Amino acid sequence: MAKGASSESGGGGGGGGGIYSVSVEPQDKKTGPPAAAMCQGASVGSKGEAVDSCKPTLALPPRERETWTRQMDFIMSCVGFAVGLGNVWRFPYLCYKNGGGVFLIPYTLIALLGGIPIFFLEISLGQFMKAGSITVWNIAPLFKGLGFASMVIVFYCNTYYIMVLAWGFYYLVKSFTATLPWATCGNPWNSPDASSNLTCDELSDKRSPVIEFWENKVLNISKGLEYPGAINWEVTLCLLSCWVLVYFCVWKGVKSAGKIVYFTATFPYVVLIILFIRGVMLPGAQDGIIYYLKPDWSKLASPQVWIDAGTQIFFSYAIGLGALTALGSYNRFNNNCYKDAIILALINSGTSFFSGFVVFSILGFMAAEQGVDISKVAESGPGLAFIAYPRAVTLMPVAPLWAALFFFMLLLLGLDSQFVGVEGFITGILDFFPSTHAFRFQREITVAIFCVICFFIELSMVTEGGMYVFQLFDYYSASGTTLLWQAFWECVVIAWIYGADRFMDDIACMIGYRPFPWMKWCWMVVTPLICLGIFLFNIAYYKPLIYNNSYVYPWWGEAIGWGFALSSMLCVPLFALYKFIRAKGTLAEVRLPPPHYKEQKGGMQVLGLNLYAWLGETLSCSRLTQPSILSG
């Protein structure tokens, strides 16, 4: 039986007074604990230690669910998922753009007060409820739309994110040549204006072969979204290969994925260290690193700096996608998810910071070789991966080796993020259709169907107009706006509907002690305010999507983008309205808290609050805000 503790008042912070809990069944190594195991906690000492053991109040039948073979499987999977391309190609650019080392101040503050609390909330919620991103919100049925919203967002992410892997795979294959194809002119895709030796004076009227390889060969980009053009079959083959890799990583579940991620999550660090050692030995590297960290204190007064810091935290921590909840659901019930969340957050932010040294040492060398300011070569996103770095390696000895290392690292960084994201989606689907459901699918078939659907959608991104489609998905479907909206409601529901103190007691039942109170106060007040503030700034400072600082999307393209964003954001209010309309009883009954009574059942005295939740699908008021164990 797990150990735990309760608050002195016994009430939930903000919502759902009293302690709601279900006993922990003896854990089977194969199936794990019950679907939702909750307990009446014991008192807490002055230092937060557990003084007494959890006392079971209601026994639920155990639910079959596989668990990680080792807890390190979970750690590595979270590292692989959360530490991805954004840590390498987005954070360093944002740091340089927003005042260098000064950017670390808003970044660290928002990480401590916003990112880490929600990161911990999602993992612990999955571990506690033993369910994926939809079913886990049976904890507050009125807000089950949060689960559907996260499924929509992660579906979009899985759809477009793998395109970066396909491009990286294409570059990796092209790196195995004596001369890199983007290092020379005279190729069929080069224009007469291409020049392989650009200086500052030539930048205005010559085009780099690196840019032409990217735009004319890889993308074969058209004039706009309204000109889709033909499919690039070479990139399509790379895309298909990536989906085959992803399928065989996740088709057997966490038992197999947990082994693969040991390589895909750790080897990129080996490559980063190698690139760092090589980078700092290059001429101009020191100037690049100084440029990366040089503080500009005036930037702290700019709202955009704080918006960028908050948005980057939510991107890099992979918050609001439901995948962290799915990963946590495969933990053993008494796993110390509190410690895991802190360690994972430190690894994530540390990787971002270290990547900046790698990137800017190479950009400093590149600027020195071309005789230009670093601001002329600093790029973010695909521009860094497929233009700036390929151009830098052409200036190094043994260029194909460094190109192959970089793109192999890029492939692995994206691969584990992709297949863990797919795992999160598949877990949500399979949990939503339990084994007794008429539409229950075998896991292998479900994964195959999902991969095929995504592949056919992505065919629109390997056309001549595909980059414009990719940018629409990237800018709107999993934007800071949608993730902040999701994170805001997650905090509100747990802290004020379910009850922050109640959830802290549930965590204590799992790990044996209550987390520090700052976590509870972040869920209740600080984190929602941060999310809401950055969300409103995002709306107020909204800028329409422009590709490459030149192409303005047509109105209907922007409408499609907002359709992507609203398709997830509207899940929360629309599902709440749906549940409210279907709830039995009068409006007054729906708003009343559940009655407190006692009933003798099976020789065990059951608190009325617990029994009320157990009968949540049949008693009217519980249908909306009280935890529902029976519903799928």
Foldseek 3Di string as FASTA:
>chain_A
DFAFAFEPVQQFFQADTHFFFAAWDPADQAFFTAQAGTFDHHHADPVFFGDDGTDGFHYDDHDGDGFEPDVVLLLLLLLLQLQFDCLQFPLLLLLLVQFFQLLVVLLVVCCVLAQLLLLLVLLLLLLRNLAFLQQSCLQFQLQSLLSVLLLLLLLLCLLQLCLLLLVLVLLLVQLPDPARPLQDDPDPQHDPQEDNQAAPVSVVRHDRSLVSCVQCPQQVADPALVCQADFDVSSLVSSVVLLVVLLVLDLVHSHRVSVVSVCLSPVLVVLLVVLLVVLLVAPQLVVLSCSNHRGDVVSVPPVVSSLSSNQSSCNSSVFSNRLSSNSSSSHRQQDQSSVSSVVSSCSSNVSSVSSSSSQRSLLRNVCVSRVHDSVVLRDGDPCSLRPNVLSSLSPPPPSSVNSNSSSVSNSSSSSSSNSSSLSSSLRNVQSQQDPPHPPHDRSSVVSVVSSVVSSVVQSSLRTNNNVNVSVLSVPFQNGLLLSLLSSLVSLCLVPNQSGLSNVQRRSCSRHRTGPDCSSNVSSVPVNNVSSVVSNVVCVVPPDADDPPVPRGHDPVSSVVSNVSRCVSSVSRVVSSVVLVVPFDDDPVQLPDDDDWDWDQDPNRIHTPLNVCQDCQVPDRNSSGRHNHSPRD
